[in-house]
Protein backbone atom coordinates (compact mmCIF):
# COMPACT_ATOMS: atom_id res chain seq x y z
CA MET A 1 71.00 -66.94 36.51
CA LYS A 2 67.62 -65.98 35.08
CA ASN A 3 66.69 -62.35 35.60
CA TYR A 4 63.03 -62.49 36.65
CA LEU A 5 62.79 -58.70 36.85
CA SER A 6 63.39 -58.40 33.10
CA ASN A 7 59.90 -59.79 32.46
CA LEU A 8 58.17 -57.06 34.47
CA LYS A 9 56.20 -54.08 33.21
CA VAL A 10 56.39 -51.07 35.50
CA ILE A 11 54.25 -47.93 35.31
CA GLU A 12 55.78 -44.89 37.03
CA VAL A 13 53.40 -42.01 37.73
CA ALA A 14 55.85 -40.20 39.99
CA SER A 15 58.10 -37.16 39.88
CA VAL A 16 61.18 -35.60 41.51
CA LEU A 17 63.52 -38.22 43.09
CA ALA A 18 62.05 -40.92 45.35
CA GLY A 19 59.54 -42.58 43.02
CA PRO A 20 61.63 -42.17 39.85
CA SER A 21 64.63 -43.74 41.62
CA VAL A 22 62.55 -46.88 42.12
CA GLY A 23 61.45 -46.83 38.48
CA MET A 24 65.07 -46.50 37.37
CA TYR A 25 66.09 -49.43 39.57
CA PHE A 26 63.66 -51.67 37.69
CA ALA A 27 64.85 -50.25 34.34
CA GLU A 28 68.42 -51.13 35.30
CA ARG A 29 67.32 -54.68 36.15
CA GLY A 30 65.82 -55.05 32.68
CA SER A 31 62.14 -54.27 33.34
CA THR A 32 60.04 -52.30 30.86
CA VAL A 33 59.36 -48.97 32.59
CA LEU A 34 56.77 -46.49 31.32
CA LYS A 35 57.18 -43.07 32.92
CA ILE A 36 53.93 -41.12 32.77
CA GLU A 37 54.54 -37.36 32.81
CA ASN A 38 52.08 -34.51 33.22
CA LYS A 39 51.45 -33.05 29.78
CA ARG A 40 49.84 -29.91 31.20
CA SER A 41 52.87 -28.91 33.30
CA GLY A 42 55.56 -29.90 30.82
CA GLY A 43 56.43 -33.15 32.56
CA ASP A 44 58.36 -33.97 35.71
CA ILE A 45 59.10 -30.70 37.55
CA THR A 46 62.80 -31.59 37.79
CA ARG A 47 63.12 -31.11 34.02
CA SER A 48 63.32 -27.39 34.82
CA TRP A 49 65.83 -27.70 37.70
CA LYS A 50 68.80 -26.65 35.60
CA LEU A 51 72.20 -25.37 36.63
CA PRO A 52 73.24 -22.04 35.05
CA ALA A 53 75.69 -23.98 32.87
CA GLU A 54 72.96 -26.13 31.29
CA ASP A 55 71.31 -25.55 27.93
CA LYS A 56 68.25 -23.35 28.52
CA LYS A 57 66.52 -24.74 25.43
CA ALA A 58 66.89 -28.41 26.38
CA SER A 59 63.77 -30.22 27.57
CA LEU A 60 65.51 -31.79 30.55
CA SER A 61 68.06 -31.12 33.30
CA ALA A 62 70.97 -33.07 34.75
CA TYR A 63 68.90 -33.48 37.93
CA PHE A 64 66.07 -35.08 35.95
CA CYS A 65 68.52 -37.37 34.19
CA SER A 66 69.94 -38.65 37.49
CA VAL A 67 66.97 -40.98 38.07
CA ASN A 68 65.39 -41.28 34.62
CA TRP A 69 67.43 -43.75 32.59
CA GLY A 70 66.09 -46.56 30.42
CA LYS A 71 62.44 -45.49 30.58
CA GLN A 72 59.79 -44.86 27.95
CA HIS A 73 58.34 -41.37 28.49
CA ILE A 74 54.61 -40.86 27.89
CA PHE A 75 52.99 -37.44 28.34
CA LEU A 76 49.35 -37.56 29.45
CA ASP A 77 46.77 -35.15 30.82
CA LEU A 78 45.00 -37.19 33.49
CA THR A 79 42.18 -34.64 33.69
CA ASN A 80 41.28 -35.72 30.15
CA GLU A 81 39.13 -38.86 30.29
CA ASN A 82 40.54 -40.31 27.07
CA GLU A 83 44.13 -39.86 28.18
CA LEU A 84 43.36 -41.20 31.65
CA ALA A 85 41.89 -44.24 29.92
CA VAL A 86 45.23 -44.75 28.14
CA LEU A 87 46.98 -44.96 31.52
CA LYS A 88 44.38 -47.33 32.96
CA LYS A 89 44.76 -49.61 29.95
CA GLU A 90 48.51 -49.77 30.52
CA ILE A 91 47.93 -50.51 34.22
CA GLY A 92 45.76 -53.44 33.20
CA THR A 93 48.80 -55.24 31.78
CA ALA A 94 51.39 -54.01 34.28
CA ASP A 95 53.08 -55.77 37.19
CA ILE A 96 53.95 -52.69 39.24
CA LEU A 97 52.50 -49.20 39.57
CA ILE A 98 54.55 -46.49 41.32
CA THR A 99 52.78 -43.27 42.34
CA ASN A 100 53.35 -40.18 44.48
CA PHE A 101 50.09 -38.29 43.99
CA LYS A 102 49.13 -35.33 46.13
CA SER A 103 46.56 -36.16 48.81
CA GLY A 104 43.18 -36.86 47.20
CA ASP A 105 44.42 -37.04 43.60
CA ALA A 106 44.65 -40.83 43.45
CA GLN A 107 40.99 -41.25 44.29
CA LYS A 108 40.00 -38.38 41.98
CA PHE A 109 41.66 -40.13 39.04
CA GLY A 110 40.36 -43.56 40.07
CA LEU A 111 43.88 -44.69 40.91
CA ASN A 112 43.89 -45.54 44.62
CA PHE A 113 44.79 -49.12 45.53
CA LYS A 114 41.19 -50.41 45.62
CA GLN A 115 40.44 -48.90 42.22
CA VAL A 116 43.75 -50.04 40.69
CA SER A 117 43.34 -53.61 41.96
CA GLU A 118 39.94 -53.73 40.26
CA ILE A 119 41.65 -52.81 36.99
CA ASN A 120 44.41 -55.36 37.59
CA PRO A 121 43.81 -58.02 40.30
CA GLN A 122 47.53 -58.88 40.48
CA ILE A 123 49.01 -55.37 40.47
CA ILE A 124 51.59 -54.29 43.01
CA HIS A 125 50.93 -50.64 43.83
CA GLY A 126 53.86 -48.80 45.38
CA GLU A 127 52.80 -45.45 46.81
CA ILE A 128 55.02 -42.69 48.23
CA SER A 129 53.75 -39.81 50.35
CA GLY A 130 55.39 -37.06 52.37
CA PHE A 131 53.86 -37.26 55.83
CA GLY A 132 51.38 -40.08 55.16
CA LYS A 133 48.80 -40.32 52.37
CA ASN A 134 46.11 -38.46 54.35
CA ASN A 135 48.37 -35.47 55.07
CA GLU A 136 48.12 -32.70 52.47
CA ARG A 137 51.45 -31.00 53.25
CA LEU A 138 53.94 -30.64 50.41
CA ALA A 139 57.03 -32.59 51.40
CA TYR A 140 60.30 -31.81 49.70
CA ASP A 141 63.44 -33.46 51.05
CA LEU A 142 64.59 -30.27 52.80
CA ILE A 143 61.31 -30.07 54.73
CA LEU A 144 61.78 -33.62 55.98
CA GLN A 145 65.44 -33.06 56.86
CA ALA A 146 64.34 -30.12 58.99
CA GLU A 147 61.44 -31.85 60.72
CA THR A 148 62.96 -35.28 61.38
CA GLY A 149 66.07 -34.12 63.21
CA PHE A 150 68.68 -34.47 60.48
CA MET A 151 69.43 -30.76 60.15
CA SER A 152 69.66 -30.38 63.93
CA ILE A 153 72.53 -32.88 64.09
CA ASN A 154 74.25 -31.97 60.81
CA GLY A 155 76.85 -29.21 60.69
CA THR A 156 79.01 -27.75 63.43
CA GLU A 157 78.40 -25.62 66.50
CA ASP A 158 79.46 -22.58 64.50
CA SER A 159 77.64 -23.39 61.26
CA GLY A 160 74.23 -24.03 62.76
CA PRO A 161 71.87 -26.62 61.24
CA VAL A 162 72.91 -27.81 57.77
CA LYS A 163 71.04 -29.71 55.06
CA MET A 164 72.72 -32.82 53.70
CA PRO A 165 73.98 -32.09 50.17
CA VAL A 166 72.03 -34.93 48.54
CA ALA A 167 68.29 -35.59 48.98
CA PHE A 168 69.01 -38.61 51.15
CA ILE A 169 65.51 -38.88 52.59
CA ASP A 170 64.04 -39.18 49.10
CA LEU A 171 66.60 -41.91 48.42
CA PHE A 172 65.90 -43.63 51.77
CA ALA A 173 62.19 -43.67 50.90
CA GLY A 174 62.98 -45.05 47.44
CA HIS A 175 64.96 -47.91 48.98
CA GLN A 176 62.14 -48.63 51.44
CA LEU A 177 59.60 -48.75 48.62
CA LYS A 178 61.85 -50.91 46.48
CA GLU A 179 62.28 -53.42 49.31
CA GLY A 180 58.54 -53.53 49.93
CA ILE A 181 57.79 -54.07 46.25
CA LEU A 182 60.31 -56.90 45.98
CA GLU A 183 58.76 -58.59 49.03
CA ALA A 184 55.30 -58.14 47.51
CA LEU A 185 56.53 -59.72 44.27
CA LEU A 186 57.58 -62.83 46.20
CA GLU A 187 54.16 -63.02 47.85
CA ARG A 188 52.33 -62.46 44.56
CA ASN A 189 54.20 -65.33 42.94
CA ILE A 190 52.63 -67.59 45.56
CA ASN A 191 49.03 -66.36 45.87
CA LYS A 192 48.47 -64.19 42.76
CA LYS A 193 46.96 -61.31 44.76
CA ALA A 194 47.32 -57.54 44.36
CA TYR A 195 49.46 -55.78 46.98
CA HIS A 196 49.72 -52.22 48.22
CA VAL A 197 53.13 -51.02 49.44
CA GLU A 198 52.97 -47.62 51.14
CA VAL A 199 55.98 -45.56 52.24
CA SER A 200 56.19 -42.02 53.61
CA LEU A 201 59.24 -39.78 53.55
CA PHE A 202 58.65 -39.08 57.24
CA ASP A 203 58.73 -42.72 58.31
CA SER A 204 61.75 -43.40 56.07
CA ALA A 205 63.63 -40.49 57.63
CA ILE A 206 62.91 -41.58 61.21
CA ALA A 207 63.93 -45.15 60.38
CA SER A 208 67.24 -43.82 59.03
CA LEU A 209 68.26 -42.04 62.25
CA ALA A 210 69.77 -45.38 63.30
CA ASN A 211 72.40 -45.05 66.06
CA GLN A 212 71.62 -41.35 66.57
CA ALA A 213 68.08 -42.35 67.55
CA SER A 214 69.29 -45.14 69.85
CA ASN A 215 71.82 -42.83 71.50
CA TYR A 216 68.98 -40.50 72.45
CA LEU A 217 66.34 -43.11 73.24
CA MET A 218 68.66 -45.08 75.54
CA THR A 219 70.55 -42.26 77.27
CA GLY A 220 68.40 -39.15 76.86
CA GLN A 221 71.46 -37.33 75.51
CA LEU A 222 70.65 -35.06 72.58
CA PRO A 223 72.99 -35.45 69.59
CA LEU A 224 75.12 -32.38 68.96
CA ARG A 225 76.30 -30.80 65.73
CA ILE A 226 79.87 -32.10 65.66
CA GLY A 227 80.61 -31.90 61.95
CA SER A 228 82.02 -35.11 60.50
CA LYS A 229 82.92 -36.51 63.93
CA HIS A 230 81.26 -39.68 65.18
CA PRO A 231 79.38 -39.35 68.50
CA ASN A 232 80.42 -42.83 69.66
CA ILE A 233 84.03 -43.20 68.46
CA ALA A 234 87.24 -41.16 68.48
CA PRO A 235 89.26 -40.36 66.51
CA TYR A 236 86.62 -40.74 63.82
CA GLY A 237 85.84 -37.90 61.41
CA GLU A 238 88.26 -35.27 62.68
CA ILE A 239 89.87 -33.59 59.67
CA PHE A 240 93.66 -33.39 59.64
CA LYS A 241 95.96 -31.47 57.29
CA THR A 242 99.17 -33.01 55.98
CA ARG A 243 102.44 -31.26 55.22
CA ASP A 244 101.39 -30.80 51.58
CA LYS A 245 98.02 -29.37 52.62
CA LYS A 246 95.93 -32.43 51.78
CA LEU A 247 92.97 -33.23 54.05
CA MET A 248 92.72 -36.61 55.74
CA VAL A 249 90.35 -38.46 58.07
CA PHE A 250 90.71 -41.55 60.24
CA ALA A 251 87.93 -43.99 61.14
CA ILE A 252 89.37 -45.66 64.22
CA GLY A 253 86.96 -48.34 65.38
CA SER A 254 89.11 -50.38 67.77
CA ASP A 255 91.89 -50.05 70.34
CA SER A 256 94.11 -52.10 68.05
CA GLN A 257 93.72 -49.62 65.21
CA PHE A 258 94.31 -46.74 67.59
CA ASN A 259 97.48 -48.35 68.97
CA THR A 260 98.82 -48.86 65.45
CA LEU A 261 98.09 -45.24 64.53
CA PHE A 262 99.87 -43.89 67.60
CA GLU A 263 102.81 -46.22 67.11
CA LEU A 264 103.23 -45.03 63.53
CA LEU A 265 102.96 -41.37 64.59
CA GLN A 266 105.49 -42.10 67.38
CA LEU A 267 103.10 -41.00 70.10
CA GLU A 268 102.71 -42.48 73.57
CA ILE A 269 99.29 -43.61 74.74
CA SER A 270 98.49 -41.90 78.04
CA ASP A 271 95.63 -42.89 80.35
CA GLN A 272 93.38 -40.23 78.85
CA PHE A 273 93.58 -42.02 75.47
CA SER A 274 93.74 -45.61 76.76
CA ASN A 275 90.25 -46.64 75.60
CA ASN A 276 87.46 -45.30 73.44
CA GLN A 277 85.41 -43.75 76.25
CA ASN A 278 88.46 -41.87 77.52
CA ARG A 279 89.26 -40.75 73.99
CA LEU A 280 85.73 -39.37 73.66
CA LYS A 281 86.04 -37.51 76.97
CA ASN A 282 89.35 -35.99 75.86
CA ARG A 283 88.52 -35.58 72.19
CA SER A 284 89.84 -32.04 71.77
CA GLU A 285 93.22 -32.89 73.30
CA LEU A 286 93.44 -36.03 71.18
CA GLU A 287 92.70 -34.11 67.99
CA SER A 288 95.39 -31.55 68.80
CA VAL A 289 98.04 -34.21 69.49
CA ILE A 290 97.33 -36.08 66.26
CA ALA A 291 97.14 -32.89 64.18
CA GLN A 292 100.67 -31.85 65.18
CA GLU A 293 102.11 -35.17 64.01
CA VAL A 294 100.10 -35.49 60.80
CA LEU A 295 101.48 -32.10 59.71
CA LYS A 296 104.94 -33.71 59.55
CA TRP A 297 103.90 -36.21 56.88
CA SER A 298 103.19 -35.98 53.17
CA ALA A 299 99.68 -37.18 52.33
CA GLU A 300 100.80 -39.95 49.96
CA THR A 301 103.32 -41.45 52.38
CA LEU A 302 101.05 -41.40 55.42
CA TYR A 303 98.06 -42.65 53.40
CA LYS A 304 99.91 -45.63 51.91
CA THR A 305 101.59 -46.50 55.21
CA LEU A 306 98.32 -46.51 57.15
CA ILE A 307 96.57 -48.62 54.52
CA ASP A 308 99.43 -51.13 54.69
CA LYS A 309 99.02 -51.18 58.48
CA LYS A 310 95.24 -51.83 58.16
CA VAL A 311 94.31 -48.49 59.74
CA PRO A 312 91.10 -47.00 58.20
CA VAL A 313 92.16 -43.75 56.53
CA ALA A 314 90.90 -41.60 53.67
CA LEU A 315 91.90 -38.54 51.72
CA ILE A 316 89.03 -36.10 51.23
CA LYS A 317 88.43 -36.11 47.47
CA GLY A 318 86.48 -33.73 45.29
CA ILE A 319 83.77 -35.04 42.96
CA ASP A 320 86.15 -34.47 40.03
CA GLU A 321 88.74 -36.72 41.69
CA VAL A 322 86.09 -39.35 42.41
CA PHE A 323 85.05 -39.61 38.76
CA ASP A 324 88.66 -39.58 37.59
CA GLN A 325 89.09 -43.06 39.10
CA LYS A 326 88.79 -46.15 36.91
CA GLU A 327 86.66 -47.80 39.62
CA THR A 328 83.82 -45.33 39.04
CA SER A 329 83.71 -45.55 35.23
CA GLN A 330 81.73 -48.83 35.37
CA LEU A 331 79.10 -47.14 37.54
CA ILE A 332 78.14 -44.50 34.97
CA LEU A 333 75.14 -44.98 32.68
CA SER A 334 74.98 -42.98 29.45
CA GLU A 335 71.95 -42.40 27.25
CA ASP A 336 70.86 -40.03 24.50
CA LEU A 337 67.56 -38.71 25.83
CA GLU A 338 65.42 -36.40 23.69
CA GLY A 339 68.47 -35.49 21.63
CA VAL A 340 70.64 -34.71 24.67
CA PRO A 341 73.68 -36.85 25.63
CA THR A 342 73.12 -37.67 29.31
CA LYS A 343 75.01 -39.39 32.11
CA ARG A 344 74.19 -40.54 35.63
CA VAL A 345 75.38 -43.09 38.17
CA LYS A 346 73.68 -46.44 38.59
CA THR A 347 71.10 -46.92 41.33
CA SER A 348 71.61 -50.70 41.28
CA VAL A 349 75.21 -51.68 42.01
CA TYR A 350 74.92 -55.11 43.62
CA LYS A 351 76.04 -58.27 41.85
CA ILE A 352 74.36 -61.66 42.16
CA SER A 353 75.98 -65.01 41.39
CA SER A 354 74.95 -68.58 42.09
CA SER A 355 76.85 -71.67 43.14
CA THR A 356 77.96 -73.98 40.35
């Protein structure tokens, strides 16, 4: 199958995570990606976001490397007319421009959609903002997690609100922008026009509330901080300890799966556990009953038995255990970048095949 994305030229004038994740997606699909970095500030701010264990003298960080693979890095001072002209020349021959300028900067540099489409009448301009392009607030992922409800429903009653450990809202916004750009590419192939694809972190976060939003909108019931537990299903997310002190979770989505679990654990199904709604009402009692029986099993035996019985089960693995699996080795991209050996996971993991 011909890879049409490999013929594209992408200009990325974006920093941190959301915009660069989109640029890296196109790099992974074979596109030529030019990452424009701010010469005056030393480049993308995440270059300086180093762990204590990282080389202080290196020009980049592991965080920066996570979404900057396969790109050509060009350092420009856009306040300098000659260097700004270099960028505009590149835009003139590009297919896609990705930006996340602060409010007002795009127009100041002559790089809003109207101005860009005059430079290149077939450009696709993907633009990311925090709270909308006319809102001047700085919008890091944490700020959005706090203000779009995610922190209020993440954590436990005892822990209080908790931030998700990955900048998911940045990644959600990146996926939204990517989808919009791909749709615009299809349209451009037909009518040869320029397109503007605009995404805000705020809108992306709200769109990602999914069933938690529907639960509230349809019932008026506020989601609670219930840790890893699912608000609509039980047992789902409760953490159980095995005899050898391994941690395990079940994702029971049907009565059939629940019946199989209880049969294996040699437990009787009383009326209070007879269907999902009853199990939710009596969740604490259910958790206690299961916990007592799981403690009698070794993790390996119970895990393998439940998988054989088609019951959704998982052992809670550390990141080291995750990357010790052969299945993850094919998802790692390596690259020597500015003299530093770097690694990250792919952003594009789908596979496409055609009929013969």
